[in-house]
Amino acid sequence: MNPTTSLSELIELHHALEAELAEAMAHPASSDAEIAAIKRKKLKLKDEIETMKHKTDAAA
């Protein structure tokens, strides 16, 4: 992620991945690999969000 990406932008991206995952799971044509890739992206983003929240809390 870009160091200037804000927490709200990361949260928006996470929500977009949630929607993408839901759509992929709703379509039988989606492969297991595709779904797994979306889940990995979503988890990575969640970790980045948590890291940013902890940095923000520590700075406050």
PDB file of N, CA and C in Angstrom:
ATOM      1  N   MET A   1       0.836  -1.193   0.000  1.00  0.00           N
ATOM      2  CA  MET A   1       0.000   0.000   0.000  1.00  0.00           C
ATOM      3  C   MET A   1       0.870   1.242   0.000  1.00  0.00           C
ATOM      4  N   ASN A   2       0.379   2.250  -0.569  1.00  0.00           N
ATOM      5  CA  ASN A   2       1.034   3.547  -0.618  1.00  0.00           C
ATOM      6  C   ASN A   2       1.077   4.126   0.798  1.00  0.00           C
ATOM      7  N   PRO A   3       2.225   4.664   1.243  1.00  0.00           N
ATOM      8  CA  PRO A   3       2.299   5.197   2.605  1.00  0.00           C
ATOM      9  C   PRO A   3       1.346   6.362   2.873  1.00  0.00           C
ATOM     10  N   THR A   4       0.846   7.002   1.831  1.00  0.00           N
ATOM     11  CA  THR A   4      -0.071   8.124   2.033  1.00  0.00           C
ATOM     12  C   THR A   4      -1.538   7.695   2.006  1.00  0.00           C
ATOM     13  N   THR A   5      -1.778   6.388   1.880  1.00  0.00           N
ATOM     14  CA  THR A   5      -3.147   5.885   1.878  1.00  0.00           C
ATOM     15  C   THR A   5      -3.731   6.047   3.276  1.00  0.00           C
ATOM     16  N   SER A   6      -4.912   6.608   3.348  1.00  0.00           N
ATOM     17  CA  SER A   6      -5.531   6.852   4.649  1.00  0.00           C
ATOM     18  C   SER A   6      -6.288   5.619   5.124  1.00  0.00           C
ATOM     19  N   LEU A   7      -6.583   5.616   6.406  1.00  0.00           N
ATOM     20  CA  LEU A   7      -7.335   4.519   7.003  1.00  0.00           C
ATOM     21  C   LEU A   7      -8.692   4.367   6.326  1.00  0.00           C
ATOM     22  N   SER A   8      -9.355   5.471   6.055  1.00  0.00           N
ATOM     23  CA  SER A   8     -10.675   5.396   5.422  1.00  0.00           C
ATOM     24  C   SER A   8     -10.577   4.797   4.020  1.00  0.00           C
ATOM     25  N   GLU A   9      -9.505   5.081   3.300  1.00  0.00           N
ATOM     26  CA  GLU A   9      -9.327   4.495   1.966  1.00  0.00           C
ATOM     27  C   GLU A   9      -9.119   2.985   2.069  1.00  0.00           C
ATOM     28  N   LEU A  10      -8.350   2.559   3.071  1.00  0.00           N
ATOM     29  CA  LEU A  10      -8.133   1.126   3.257  1.00  0.00           C
ATOM     30  C   LEU A  10      -9.443   0.421   3.594  1.00  0.00           C
ATOM     31  N   ILE A  11     -10.253   1.052   4.425  1.00  0.00           N
ATOM     32  CA  ILE A  11     -11.541   0.468   4.794  1.00  0.00           C
ATOM     33  C   ILE A  11     -12.452   0.378   3.572  1.00  0.00           C
ATOM     34  N   GLU A  12     -12.428   1.399   2.735  1.00  0.00           N
ATOM     35  CA  GLU A  12     -13.223   1.369   1.493  1.00  0.00           C
ATOM     36  C   GLU A  12     -12.773   0.220   0.591  1.00  0.00           C
ATOM     37  N   LEU A  13     -11.464   0.046   0.465  1.00  0.00           N
ATOM     38  CA  LEU A  13     -10.940  -1.048  -0.352  1.00  0.00           C
ATOM     39  C   LEU A  13     -11.362  -2.402   0.222  1.00  0.00           C
ATOM     40  N   HIS A  14     -11.353  -2.507   1.536  1.00  0.00           N
ATOM     41  CA  HIS A  14     -11.759  -3.747   2.189  1.00  0.00           C
ATOM     42  C   HIS A  14     -13.229  -4.058   1.879  1.00  0.00           C
ATOM     43  N   HIS A  15     -14.076  -3.037   1.949  1.00  0.00           N
ATOM     44  CA  HIS A  15     -15.499  -3.226   1.623  1.00  0.00           C
ATOM     45  C   HIS A  15     -15.675  -3.617   0.157  1.00  0.00           C
ATOM     46  N   ALA A  16     -14.877  -3.032  -0.713  1.00  0.00           N
ATOM     47  CA  ALA A  16     -14.959  -3.384  -2.131  1.00  0.00           C
ATOM     48  C   ALA A  16     -14.577  -4.851  -2.339  1.00  0.00           C
ATOM     49  N   LEU A  17     -13.554  -5.313  -1.600  1.00  0.00           N
ATOM     50  CA  LEU A  17     -13.168  -6.719  -1.713  1.00  0.00           C
ATOM     51  C   LEU A  17     -14.254  -7.637  -1.152  1.00  0.00           C
ATOM     52  N   GLU A  18     -14.940  -7.197  -0.108  1.00  0.00           N
ATOM     53  CA  GLU A  18     -16.057  -7.981   0.431  1.00  0.00           C
ATOM     54  C   GLU A  18     -17.120  -8.169  -0.642  1.00  0.00           C
ATOM     55  N   ALA A  19     -17.435  -7.103  -1.346  1.00  0.00           N
ATOM     56  CA  ALA A  19     -18.442  -7.168  -2.410  1.00  0.00           C
ATOM     57  C   ALA A  19     -17.961  -8.063  -3.550  1.00  0.00           C
ATOM     58  N   GLU A  20     -16.689  -7.930  -3.905  1.00  0.00           N
ATOM     59  CA  GLU A  20     -16.120  -8.751  -4.977  1.00  0.00           C
ATOM     60  C   GLU A  20     -16.163 -10.228  -4.589  1.00  0.00           C
ATOM     61  N   LEU A  21     -15.845 -10.515  -3.333  1.00  0.00           N
ATOM     62  CA  LEU A  21     -15.874 -11.894  -2.852  1.00  0.00           C
ATOM     63  C   LEU A  21     -17.294 -12.448  -2.878  1.00  0.00           C
ATOM     64  N   ALA A  22     -18.250 -11.671  -2.414  1.00  0.00           N
ATOM     65  CA  ALA A  22     -19.643 -12.120  -2.407  1.00  0.00           C
ATOM     66  C   ALA A  22     -20.118 -12.421  -3.831  1.00  0.00           C
ATOM     67  N   GLU A  23     -19.735 -11.564  -4.760  1.00  0.00           N
ATOM     68  CA  GLU A  23     -20.139 -11.781  -6.148  1.00  0.00           C
ATOM     69  C   GLU A  23     -19.482 -13.033  -6.720  1.00  0.00           C
ATOM     70  N   ALA A  24     -18.198 -13.214  -6.429  1.00  0.00           N
ATOM     71  CA  ALA A  24     -17.492 -14.389  -6.936  1.00  0.00           C
ATOM     72  C   ALA A  24     -18.087 -15.674  -6.363  1.00  0.00           C
ATOM     73  N   MET A  25     -18.455 -15.643  -5.098  1.00  0.00           N
ATOM     74  CA  MET A  25     -19.020 -16.837  -4.464  1.00  0.00           C
ATOM     75  C   MET A  25     -20.437 -17.134  -4.969  1.00  0.00           C
ATOM     76  N   ALA A  26     -21.122 -16.108  -5.438  1.00  0.00           N
ATOM     77  CA  ALA A  26     -22.480 -16.289  -5.944  1.00  0.00           C
ATOM     78  C   ALA A  26     -22.503 -16.870  -7.357  1.00  0.00           C
ATOM     79  N   HIS A  27     -21.384 -16.805  -8.060  1.00  0.00           N
ATOM     80  CA  HIS A  27     -21.330 -17.302  -9.436  1.00  0.00           C
ATOM     81  C   HIS A  27     -20.585 -18.629  -9.477  1.00  0.00           C
ATOM     82  N   PRO A  28     -21.232 -19.670  -9.944  1.00  0.00           N
ATOM     83  CA  PRO A  28     -20.589 -20.986 -10.005  1.00  0.00           C
ATOM     84  C   PRO A  28     -19.366 -21.023 -10.927  1.00  0.00           C
ATOM     85  N   ALA A  29     -19.263 -20.073 -11.835  1.00  0.00           N
ATOM     86  CA  ALA A  29     -18.136 -20.061 -12.762  1.00  0.00           C
ATOM     87  C   ALA A  29     -16.841 -19.599 -12.088  1.00  0.00           C
ATOM     88  N   SER A  30     -16.942 -19.009 -10.917  1.00  0.00           N
ATOM     89  CA  SER A  30     -15.750 -18.546 -10.202  1.00  0.00           C
ATOM     90  C   SER A  30     -14.967 -19.751  -9.689  1.00  0.00           C
ATOM     91  N   SER A  31     -13.653 -19.703  -9.919  1.00  0.00           N
ATOM     92  CA  SER A  31     -12.819 -20.821  -9.479  1.00  0.00           C
ATOM     93  C   SER A  31     -12.453 -20.678  -8.003  1.00  0.00           C
ATOM     94  N   ASP A  32     -12.086 -21.796  -7.415  1.00  0.00           N
ATOM     95  CA  ASP A  32     -11.636 -21.780  -6.019  1.00  0.00           C
ATOM     96  C   ASP A  32     -10.386 -20.925  -5.869  1.00  0.00           C
ATOM     97  N   ALA A  33      -9.528 -20.949  -6.876  1.00  0.00           N
ATOM     98  CA  ALA A  33      -8.303 -20.152  -6.829  1.00  0.00           C
ATOM     99  C   ALA A  33      -8.623 -18.658  -6.833  1.00  0.00           C
ATOM    100  N   GLU A  34      -9.599 -18.273  -7.631  1.00  0.00           N
ATOM    101  CA  GLU A  34     -10.005 -16.865  -7.691  1.00  0.00           C
ATOM    102  C   GLU A  34     -10.558 -16.406  -6.339  1.00  0.00           C
ATOM    103  N   ILE A  35     -11.405 -17.236  -5.750  1.00  0.00           N
ATOM    104  CA  ILE A  35     -11.994 -16.907  -4.449  1.00  0.00           C
ATOM    105  C   ILE A  35     -10.910 -16.838  -3.382  1.00  0.00           C
ATOM    106  N   ALA A  36      -9.977 -17.777  -3.408  1.00  0.00           N
ATOM    107  CA  ALA A  36      -8.885 -17.783  -2.434  1.00  0.00           C
ATOM    108  C   ALA A  36      -8.016 -16.538  -2.581  1.00  0.00           C
ATOM    109  N   ALA A  37      -7.777 -16.099  -3.807  1.00  0.00           N
ATOM    110  CA  ALA A  37      -6.965 -14.905  -4.037  1.00  0.00           C
ATOM    111  C   ALA A  37      -7.647 -13.664  -3.457  1.00  0.00           C
ATOM    112  N   ILE A  38      -8.940 -13.560  -3.637  1.00  0.00           N
ATOM    113  CA  ILE A  38      -9.687 -12.427  -3.090  1.00  0.00           C
ATOM    114  C   ILE A  38      -9.624 -12.462  -1.564  1.00  0.00           C
ATOM    115  N   LYS A  39      -9.788 -13.649  -0.996  1.00  0.00           N
ATOM    116  CA  LYS A  39      -9.724 -13.780   0.466  1.00  0.00           C
ATOM    117  C   LYS A  39      -8.353 -13.382   0.993  1.00  0.00           C
ATOM    118  N   ARG A  40      -7.282 -13.782   0.284  1.00  0.00           N
ATOM    119  CA  ARG A  40      -5.919 -13.397   0.707  1.00  0.00           C
ATOM    120  C   ARG A  40      -5.742 -11.891   0.670  1.00  0.00           C
ATOM    121  N   LYS A  41      -6.223 -11.251  -0.406  1.00  0.00           N
ATOM    122  CA  LYS A  41      -6.135  -9.791  -0.511  1.00  0.00           C
ATOM    123  C   LYS A  41      -6.884  -9.129   0.638  1.00  0.00           C
ATOM    124  N   LYS A  42      -8.064  -9.663   0.928  1.00  0.00           N
ATOM    125  CA  LYS A  42      -8.895  -9.096   1.981  1.00  0.00           C
ATOM    126  C   LYS A  42      -8.212  -9.223   3.345  1.00  0.00           C
ATOM    127  N   LEU A  43      -7.617 -10.378   3.625  1.00  0.00           N
ATOM    128  CA  LEU A  43      -6.912 -10.570   4.890  1.00  0.00           C
ATOM    129  C   LEU A  43      -5.691  -9.666   5.007  1.00  0.00           C
ATOM    130  N   LYS A  44      -4.958  -9.526   3.913  1.00  0.00           N
ATOM    131  CA  LYS A  44      -3.786  -8.643   3.915  1.00  0.00           C
ATOM    132  C   LYS A  44      -4.210  -7.205   4.199  1.00  0.00           C
ATOM    133  N   LEU A  45      -5.277  -6.786   3.573  1.00  0.00           N
ATOM    134  CA  LEU A  45      -5.789  -5.439   3.771  1.00  0.00           C
ATOM    135  C   LEU A  45      -6.262  -5.245   5.207  1.00  0.00           C
ATOM    136  N   LYS A  46      -6.909  -6.270   5.760  1.00  0.00           N
ATOM    137  CA  LYS A  46      -7.364  -6.188   7.155  1.00  0.00           C
ATOM    138  C   LYS A  46      -6.166  -6.018   8.090  1.00  0.00           C
ATOM    139  N   ASP A  47      -5.099  -6.743   7.824  1.00  0.00           N
ATOM    140  CA  ASP A  47      -3.882  -6.606   8.639  1.00  0.00           C
ATOM    141  C   ASP A  47      -3.319  -5.188   8.539  1.00  0.00           C
ATOM    142  N   GLU A  48      -3.318  -4.633   7.342  1.00  0.00           N
ATOM    143  CA  GLU A  48      -2.834  -3.262   7.155  1.00  0.00           C
ATOM    144  C   GLU A  48      -3.706  -2.264   7.915  1.00  0.00           C
ATOM    145  N   ILE A  49      -5.014  -2.484   7.903  1.00  0.00           N
ATOM    146  CA  ILE A  49      -5.943  -1.607   8.624  1.00  0.00           C
ATOM    147  C   ILE A  49      -5.647  -1.673  10.121  1.00  0.00           C
ATOM    148  N   GLU A  50      -5.485  -2.876  10.656  1.00  0.00           N
ATOM    149  CA  GLU A  50      -5.205  -3.042  12.082  1.00  0.00           C
ATOM    150  C   GLU A  50      -3.871  -2.399  12.457  1.00  0.00           C
ATOM    151  N   THR A  51      -2.868  -2.566  11.618  1.00  0.00           N
ATOM    152  CA  THR A  51      -1.568  -1.947  11.867  1.00  0.00           C
ATOM    153  C   THR A  51      -1.698  -0.438  11.908  1.00  0.00           C
ATOM    154  N   MET A  52      -2.427   0.115  10.955  1.00  0.00           N
ATOM    155  CA  MET A  52      -2.602   1.564  10.908  1.00  0.00           C
ATOM    156  C   MET A  52      -3.375   2.059  12.125  1.00  0.00           C
ATOM    157  N   LYS A  53      -4.385   1.303  12.560  1.00  0.00           N
ATOM    158  CA  LYS A  53      -5.159   1.696  13.742  1.00  0.00           C
ATOM    159  C   LYS A  53      -4.258   1.713  14.971  1.00  0.00           C
ATOM    160  N   HIS A  54      -3.392   0.706  15.105  1.00  0.00           N
ATOM    161  CA  HIS A  54      -2.497   0.648  16.262  1.00  0.00           C
ATOM    162  C   HIS A  54      -1.497   1.798  16.234  1.00  0.00           C
ATOM    163  N   LYS A  55      -0.993   2.137  15.066  1.00  0.00           N
ATOM    164  CA  LYS A  55      -0.065   3.274  14.949  1.00  0.00           C
ATOM    165  C   LYS A  55      -0.760   4.572  15.306  1.00  0.00           C
ATOM    166  N   THR A  56      -2.016   4.707  14.876  1.00  0.00           N
ATOM    167  CA  THR A  56      -2.782   5.903  15.176  1.00  0.00           C
ATOM    168  C   THR A  56      -3.058   6.008  16.675  1.00  0.00           C
ATOM    169  N   ASP A  57      -3.409   4.880  17.297  1.00  0.00           N
ATOM    170  CA  ASP A  57      -3.674   4.859  18.733  1.00  0.00           C
ATOM    171  C   ASP A  57      -2.412   5.179  19.533  1.00  0.00           C
ATOM    172  N   ALA A  58      -1.278   4.659  19.083  1.00  0.00           N
ATOM    173  CA  ALA A  58      -0.017   4.895  19.784  1.00  0.00           C
ATOM    174  C   ALA A  58       0.419   6.351  19.670  1.00  0.00           C
ATOM    175  N   ALA A  59       0.092   6.976  18.567  1.00  0.00           N
ATOM    176  CA  ALA A  59       0.487   8.381  18.356  1.00  0.00           C
ATOM    177  C   ALA A  59      -0.410   9.336  19.131  1.00  0.00           C
ATOM    178  N   ALA A  60      -1.591   8.881  19.520  1.00  0.00           N
ATOM    179  CA  ALA A  60      -2.543   9.750  20.216  1.00  0.00           C
ATOM    180  C   ALA A  60      -2.236   9.893  21.681  1.00  0.00           C
TER     181      ALA A  60
END
